[in-house]
Amino acid sequence: LKRIQKAIPDAFILSGGGTTAENVSDFLEVCDGVIVGAGIKDNNKHTGQISQARLAAYMEAVNISRSKT
């Protein structure tokens, strides 16, 4: 992602998945946004139900990351 950002600095970059509360700040350092999927599900699979606790932790991590910029 960093190479893409460097090669095409005006590109809008989204991460297509793989983010969690633990790593979303790393993605947001080089991405303009992320697509959230299994990282907020109760079983960590796309077939699971949204976990309110995981969603809250994810959004807290996003908000902390955004406040640093």
PDB file of N, CA and C in Angstrom:
ATOM      1  N   LEU A   1       0.814  -1.194   0.000  1.00  0.00           N
ATOM      2  CA  LEU A   1       0.000   0.000   0.000  1.00  0.00           C
ATOM      3  C   LEU A   1       0.858   1.258   0.000  1.00  0.00           C
ATOM      4  N   LYS A   2       1.956   1.203   0.728  1.00  0.00           N
ATOM      5  CA  LYS A   2       2.843   2.368   0.758  1.00  0.00           C
ATOM      6  C   LYS A   2       3.453   2.625  -0.615  1.00  0.00           C
ATOM      7  N   ARG A   3       3.771   1.563  -1.350  1.00  0.00           N
ATOM      8  CA  ARG A   3       4.334   1.743  -2.696  1.00  0.00           C
ATOM      9  C   ARG A   3       3.300   2.334  -3.637  1.00  0.00           C
ATOM     10  N   ILE A   4       2.052   1.915  -3.511  1.00  0.00           N
ATOM     11  CA  ILE A   4       0.991   2.476  -4.350  1.00  0.00           C
ATOM     12  C   ILE A   4       0.801   3.948  -4.023  1.00  0.00           C
ATOM     13  N   GLN A   5       0.754   4.251  -2.740  1.00  0.00           N
ATOM     14  CA  GLN A   5       0.585   5.638  -2.310  1.00  0.00           C
ATOM     15  C   GLN A   5       1.720   6.515  -2.840  1.00  0.00           C
ATOM     16  N   LYS A   6       2.929   5.998  -2.828  1.00  0.00           N
ATOM     17  CA  LYS A   6       4.072   6.765  -3.306  1.00  0.00           C
ATOM     18  C   LYS A   6       4.030   6.919  -4.831  1.00  0.00           C
ATOM     19  N   ALA A   7       3.648   5.841  -5.526  1.00  0.00           N
ATOM     20  CA  ALA A   7       3.633   5.871  -6.990  1.00  0.00           C
ATOM     21  C   ALA A   7       2.487   6.714  -7.539  1.00  0.00           C
ATOM     22  N   ILE A   8       1.364   6.710  -6.846  1.00  0.00           N
ATOM     23  CA  ILE A   8       0.174   7.446  -7.305  1.00  0.00           C
ATOM     24  C   ILE A   8      -0.351   8.274  -6.133  1.00  0.00           C
ATOM     25  N   PRO A   9       0.296   9.366  -5.827  1.00  0.00           N
ATOM     26  CA  PRO A   9      -0.044  10.119  -4.614  1.00  0.00           C
ATOM     27  C   PRO A   9      -1.461  10.695  -4.597  1.00  0.00           C
ATOM     28  N   ASP A  10      -2.075  10.887  -5.745  1.00  0.00           N
ATOM     29  CA  ASP A  10      -3.428  11.439  -5.784  1.00  0.00           C
ATOM     30  C   ASP A  10      -4.512  10.356  -5.759  1.00  0.00           C
ATOM     31  N   ALA A  11      -4.109   9.100  -5.746  1.00  0.00           N
ATOM     32  CA  ALA A  11      -5.085   8.001  -5.751  1.00  0.00           C
ATOM     33  C   ALA A  11      -5.797   7.913  -4.404  1.00  0.00           C
ATOM     34  N   PHE A  12      -7.080   7.567  -4.458  1.00  0.00           N
ATOM     35  CA  PHE A  12      -7.862   7.308  -3.250  1.00  0.00           C
ATOM     36  C   PHE A  12      -7.714   5.818  -2.973  1.00  0.00           C
ATOM     37  N   ILE A  13      -7.137   5.455  -1.844  1.00  0.00           N
ATOM     38  CA  ILE A  13      -6.811   4.059  -1.560  1.00  0.00           C
ATOM     39  C   ILE A  13      -7.686   3.538  -0.433  1.00  0.00           C
ATOM     40  N   LEU A  14      -8.354   2.407  -0.717  1.00  0.00           N
ATOM     41  CA  LEU A  14      -9.137   1.695   0.287  1.00  0.00           C
ATOM     42  C   LEU A  14      -8.522   0.327   0.518  1.00  0.00           C
ATOM     43  N   SER A  15      -8.474  -0.082   1.763  1.00  0.00           N
ATOM     44  CA  SER A  15      -8.090  -1.448   2.071  1.00  0.00           C
ATOM     45  C   SER A  15      -9.342  -2.302   1.960  1.00  0.00           C
ATOM     46  N   GLY A  16      -9.244  -3.390   1.223  1.00  0.00           N
ATOM     47  CA  GLY A  16     -10.411  -4.228   0.966  1.00  0.00           C
ATOM     48  C   GLY A  16     -10.700  -5.264   2.022  1.00  0.00           C
ATOM     49  N   GLY A  17     -10.063  -5.224   3.121  1.00  0.00           N
ATOM     50  CA  GLY A  17     -10.359  -6.182   4.185  1.00  0.00           C
ATOM     51  C   GLY A  17      -9.121  -6.500   4.993  1.00  0.00           C
ATOM     52  N   GLY A  18      -9.307  -7.323   5.991  1.00  0.00           N
ATOM     53  CA  GLY A  18      -8.193  -7.731   6.832  1.00  0.00           C
ATOM     54  C   GLY A  18      -7.932  -6.832   8.018  1.00  0.00           C
ATOM     55  N   THR A  19      -8.759  -5.795   8.178  1.00  0.00           N
ATOM     56  CA  THR A  19      -8.519  -4.902   9.303  1.00  0.00           C
ATOM     57  C   THR A  19      -9.220  -5.403  10.559  1.00  0.00           C
ATOM     58  N   THR A  20      -8.583  -5.111  11.675  1.00  0.00           N
ATOM     59  CA  THR A  20      -9.136  -5.432  12.987  1.00  0.00           C
ATOM     60  C   THR A  20      -8.908  -4.215  13.880  1.00  0.00           C
ATOM     61  N   ALA A  21      -9.462  -4.248  15.065  1.00  0.00           N
ATOM     62  CA  ALA A  21      -9.228  -3.154  16.019  1.00  0.00           C
ATOM     63  C   ALA A  21      -7.740  -3.020  16.324  1.00  0.00           C
ATOM     64  N   GLU A  22      -7.030  -4.128  16.259  1.00  0.00           N
ATOM     65  CA  GLU A  22      -5.608  -4.120  16.587  1.00  0.00           C
ATOM     66  C   GLU A  22      -4.730  -3.552  15.473  1.00  0.00           C
ATOM     67  N   ASN A  23      -5.180  -3.618  14.206  1.00  0.00           N
ATOM     68  CA  ASN A  23      -4.310  -3.169  13.119  1.00  0.00           C
ATOM     69  C   ASN A  23      -4.877  -2.048  12.250  1.00  0.00           C
ATOM     70  N   VAL A  24      -6.082  -1.600  12.520  1.00  0.00           N
ATOM     71  CA  VAL A  24      -6.706  -0.607  11.645  1.00  0.00           C
ATOM     72  C   VAL A  24      -5.913   0.693  11.591  1.00  0.00           C
ATOM     73  N   SER A  25      -5.259   1.067  12.662  1.00  0.00           N
ATOM     74  CA  SER A  25      -4.482   2.308  12.637  1.00  0.00           C
ATOM     75  C   SER A  25      -3.312   2.206  11.664  1.00  0.00           C
ATOM     76  N   ASP A  26      -2.717   1.021  11.544  1.00  0.00           N
ATOM     77  CA  ASP A  26      -1.638   0.824  10.575  1.00  0.00           C
ATOM     78  C   ASP A  26      -2.143   1.022   9.150  1.00  0.00           C
ATOM     79  N   PHE A  27      -3.329   0.497   8.861  1.00  0.00           N
ATOM     80  CA  PHE A  27      -3.914   0.652   7.536  1.00  0.00           C
ATOM     81  C   PHE A  27      -4.259   2.112   7.255  1.00  0.00           C
ATOM     82  N   LEU A  28      -4.808   2.788   8.246  1.00  0.00           N
ATOM     83  CA  LEU A  28      -5.235   4.170   8.034  1.00  0.00           C
ATOM     84  C   LEU A  28      -4.060   5.135   7.877  1.00  0.00           C
ATOM     85  N   GLU A  29      -2.867   4.691   8.213  1.00  0.00           N
ATOM     86  CA  GLU A  29      -1.685   5.512   7.964  1.00  0.00           C
ATOM     87  C   GLU A  29      -1.425   5.668   6.468  1.00  0.00           C
ATOM     88  N   VAL A  30      -1.809   4.674   5.680  1.00  0.00           N
ATOM     89  CA  VAL A  30      -1.522   4.701   4.243  1.00  0.00           C
ATOM     90  C   VAL A  30      -2.771   4.617   3.375  1.00  0.00           C
ATOM     91  N   CYS A  31      -3.927   4.393   3.973  1.00  0.00           N
ATOM     92  CA  CYS A  31      -5.179   4.281   3.221  1.00  0.00           C
ATOM     93  C   CYS A  31      -6.084   5.462   3.549  1.00  0.00           C
ATOM     94  N   ASP A  32      -6.942   5.769   2.595  1.00  0.00           N
ATOM     95  CA  ASP A  32      -7.935   6.814   2.827  1.00  0.00           C
ATOM     96  C   ASP A  32      -9.157   6.266   3.552  1.00  0.00           C
ATOM     97  N   GLY A  33      -9.304   4.958   3.546  1.00  0.00           N
ATOM     98  CA  GLY A  33     -10.419   4.316   4.228  1.00  0.00           C
ATOM     99  C   GLY A  33     -10.260   2.812   4.181  1.00  0.00           C
ATOM    100  N   VAL A  34     -11.124   2.130   4.882  1.00  0.00           N
ATOM    101  CA  VAL A  34     -11.079   0.674   4.936  1.00  0.00           C
ATOM    102  C   VAL A  34     -12.480   0.105   4.737  1.00  0.00           C
ATOM    103  N   ILE A  35     -12.528  -1.106   4.238  1.00  0.00           N
ATOM    104  CA  ILE A  35     -13.785  -1.838   4.129  1.00  0.00           C
ATOM    105  C   ILE A  35     -13.780  -2.854   5.261  1.00  0.00           C
ATOM    106  N   VAL A  36     -14.770  -2.784   6.113  1.00  0.00           N
ATOM    107  CA  VAL A  36     -14.805  -3.629   7.305  1.00  0.00           C
ATOM    108  C   VAL A  36     -15.662  -4.853   7.047  1.00  0.00           C
ATOM    109  N   GLY A  37     -15.171  -5.987   7.451  1.00  0.00           N
ATOM    110  CA  GLY A  37     -15.919  -7.228   7.269  1.00  0.00           C
ATOM    111  C   GLY A  37     -15.875  -8.076   8.520  1.00  0.00           C
ATOM    112  N   ALA A  38     -15.146  -9.167   8.423  1.00  0.00           N
ATOM    113  CA  ALA A  38     -15.111 -10.161   9.493  1.00  0.00           C
ATOM    114  C   ALA A  38     -14.512  -9.622  10.793  1.00  0.00           C
ATOM    115  N   GLY A  39     -13.763  -8.558  10.721  1.00  0.00           N
ATOM    116  CA  GLY A  39     -13.116  -8.015  11.911  1.00  0.00           C
ATOM    117  C   GLY A  39     -14.063  -7.563  13.004  1.00  0.00           C
ATOM    118  N   ILE A  40     -15.333  -7.383  12.665  1.00  0.00           N
ATOM    119  CA  ILE A  40     -16.315  -6.980  13.690  1.00  0.00           C
ATOM    120  C   ILE A  40     -17.374  -8.058  13.924  1.00  0.00           C
ATOM    121  N   LYS A  41     -17.145  -9.242  13.358  1.00  0.00           N
ATOM    122  CA  LYS A  41     -18.110 -10.329  13.513  1.00  0.00           C
ATOM    123  C   LYS A  41     -17.782 -11.179  14.731  1.00  0.00           C
ATOM    124  N   ASP A  42     -18.798 -11.809  15.278  1.00  0.00           N
ATOM    125  CA  ASP A  42     -18.620 -12.585  16.508  1.00  0.00           C
ATOM    126  C   ASP A  42     -17.745 -13.824  16.333  1.00  0.00           C
ATOM    127  N   ASN A  43     -17.671 -14.343  15.119  1.00  0.00           N
ATOM    128  CA  ASN A  43     -16.861 -15.535  14.880  1.00  0.00           C
ATOM    129  C   ASN A  43     -15.674 -15.253  13.958  1.00  0.00           C
ATOM    130  N   ASN A  44     -15.424 -13.966  13.684  1.00  0.00           N
ATOM    131  CA  ASN A  44     -14.330 -13.524  12.824  1.00  0.00           C
ATOM    132  C   ASN A  44     -14.438 -14.086  11.408  1.00  0.00           C
ATOM    133  N   LYS A  45     -15.660 -14.386  10.975  1.00  0.00           N
ATOM    134  CA  LYS A  45     -15.920 -14.871   9.619  1.00  0.00           C
ATOM    135  C   LYS A  45     -17.036 -14.026   9.028  1.00  0.00           C
ATOM    136  N   HIS A  46     -17.059 -13.934   7.706  1.00  0.00           N
ATOM    137  CA  HIS A  46     -18.074 -13.090   7.056  1.00  0.00           C
ATOM    138  C   HIS A  46     -19.495 -13.571   7.324  1.00  0.00           C
ATOM    139  N   THR A  47     -19.652 -14.820   7.728  1.00  0.00           N
ATOM    140  CA  THR A  47     -20.983 -15.375   7.990  1.00  0.00           C
ATOM    141  C   THR A  47     -21.488 -15.084   9.400  1.00  0.00           C
ATOM    142  N   GLY A  48     -20.662 -14.511  10.230  1.00  0.00           N
ATOM    143  CA  GLY A  48     -21.048 -14.265  11.614  1.00  0.00           C
ATOM    144  C   GLY A  48     -21.969 -13.065  11.773  1.00  0.00           C
ATOM    145  N   GLN A  49     -22.378 -12.866  12.984  1.00  0.00           N
ATOM    146  CA  GLN A  49     -23.203 -11.719  13.349  1.00  0.00           C
ATOM    147  C   GLN A  49     -22.289 -10.601  13.850  1.00  0.00           C
ATOM    148  N   ILE A  50     -22.714  -9.379  13.665  1.00  0.00           N
ATOM    149  CA  ILE A  50     -21.922  -8.252  14.158  1.00  0.00           C
ATOM    150  C   ILE A  50     -21.889  -8.292  15.682  1.00  0.00           C
ATOM    151  N   SER A  51     -20.693  -8.212  16.214  1.00  0.00           N
ATOM    152  CA  SER A  51     -20.491  -8.173  17.656  1.00  0.00           C
ATOM    153  C   SER A  51     -20.434  -6.714  18.081  1.00  0.00           C
ATOM    154  N   GLN A  52     -21.328  -6.306  18.940  1.00  0.00           N
ATOM    155  CA  GLN A  52     -21.334  -4.917  19.404  1.00  0.00           C
ATOM    156  C   GLN A  52     -20.032  -4.558  20.114  1.00  0.00           C
ATOM    157  N   ALA A  53     -19.477  -5.493  20.864  1.00  0.00           N
ATOM    158  CA  ALA A  53     -18.221  -5.240  21.577  1.00  0.00           C
ATOM    159  C   ALA A  53     -17.065  -5.068  20.598  1.00  0.00           C
ATOM    160  N   ARG A  54     -17.006  -5.935  19.581  1.00  0.00           N
ATOM    161  CA  ARG A  54     -15.932  -5.834  18.588  1.00  0.00           C
ATOM    162  C   ARG A  54     -16.087  -4.578  17.747  1.00  0.00           C
ATOM    163  N   LEU A  55     -17.323  -4.233  17.419  1.00  0.00           N
ATOM    164  CA  LEU A  55     -17.581  -3.013  16.657  1.00  0.00           C
ATOM    165  C   LEU A  55     -17.149  -1.782  17.462  1.00  0.00           C
ATOM    166  N   ALA A  56     -17.491  -1.762  18.737  1.00  0.00           N
ATOM    167  CA  ALA A  56     -17.121  -0.634  19.589  1.00  0.00           C
ATOM    168  C   ALA A  56     -15.601  -0.511  19.695  1.00  0.00           C
ATOM    169  N   ALA A  57     -14.912  -1.625  19.870  1.00  0.00           N
ATOM    170  CA  ALA A  57     -13.451  -1.604  19.959  1.00  0.00           C
ATOM    171  C   ALA A  57     -12.838  -1.142  18.637  1.00  0.00           C
ATOM    172  N   TYR A  58     -13.415  -1.588  17.529  1.00  0.00           N
ATOM    173  CA  TYR A  58     -12.931  -1.206  16.202  1.00  0.00           C
ATOM    174  C   TYR A  58     -13.076   0.300  15.998  1.00  0.00           C
ATOM    175  N   MET A  59     -14.251   0.822  16.296  1.00  0.00           N
ATOM    176  CA  MET A  59     -14.488   2.248  16.096  1.00  0.00           C
ATOM    177  C   MET A  59     -13.657   3.100  17.054  1.00  0.00           C
ATOM    178  N   GLU A  60     -13.408   2.608  18.250  1.00  0.00           N
ATOM    179  CA  GLU A  60     -12.534   3.326  19.169  1.00  0.00           C
ATOM    180  C   GLU A  60     -11.124   3.424  18.570  1.00  0.00           C
ATOM    181  N   ALA A  61     -10.639   2.315  18.000  1.00  0.00           N
ATOM    182  CA  ALA A  61      -9.316   2.315  17.368  1.00  0.00           C
ATOM    183  C   ALA A  61      -9.283   3.262  16.176  1.00  0.00           C
ATOM    184  N   VAL A  62     -10.358   3.291  15.375  1.00  0.00           N
ATOM    185  CA  VAL A  62     -10.433   4.212  14.240  1.00  0.00           C
ATOM    186  C   VAL A  62     -10.410   5.658  14.729  1.00  0.00           C
ATOM    187  N   ASN A  63     -11.198   5.960  15.726  1.00  0.00           N
ATOM    188  CA  ASN A  63     -11.258   7.328  16.242  1.00  0.00           C
ATOM    189  C   ASN A  63      -9.917   7.776  16.828  1.00  0.00           C
ATOM    190  N   ILE A  64      -9.224   6.880  17.517  1.00  0.00           N
ATOM    191  CA  ILE A  64      -7.897   7.214  18.044  1.00  0.00           C
ATOM    192  C   ILE A  64      -6.942   7.481  16.897  1.00  0.00           C
ATOM    193  N   SER A  65      -6.997   6.647  15.870  1.00  0.00           N
ATOM    194  CA  SER A  65      -6.120   6.827  14.718  1.00  0.00           C
ATOM    195  C   SER A  65      -6.400   8.150  14.018  1.00  0.00           C
ATOM    196  N   ARG A  66      -7.663   8.477  13.838  1.00  0.00           N
ATOM    197  CA  ARG A  66      -8.033   9.728  13.181  1.00  0.00           C
ATOM    198  C   ARG A  66      -7.617  10.945  13.993  1.00  0.00           C
ATOM    199  N   SER A  67      -7.648  10.835  15.302  1.00  0.00           N
ATOM    200  CA  SER A  67      -7.296  11.988  16.137  1.00  0.00           C
ATOM    201  C   SER A  67      -5.806  12.302  16.085  1.00  0.00           C
ATOM    202  N   LYS A  68      -5.011  11.362  15.619  1.00  0.00           N
ATOM    203  CA  LYS A  68      -3.558  11.563  15.523  1.00  0.00           C
ATOM    204  C   LYS A  68      -3.181  12.348  14.274  1.00  0.00           C
ATOM    205  N   THR A  69      -4.091  12.467  13.319  1.00  0.00           N
ATOM    206  CA  THR A  69      -3.744  13.160  12.064  1.00  0.00           C
ATOM    207  C   THR A  69      -4.132  14.611  12.109  1.00  0.00           C
TER     208      THR A  69
END
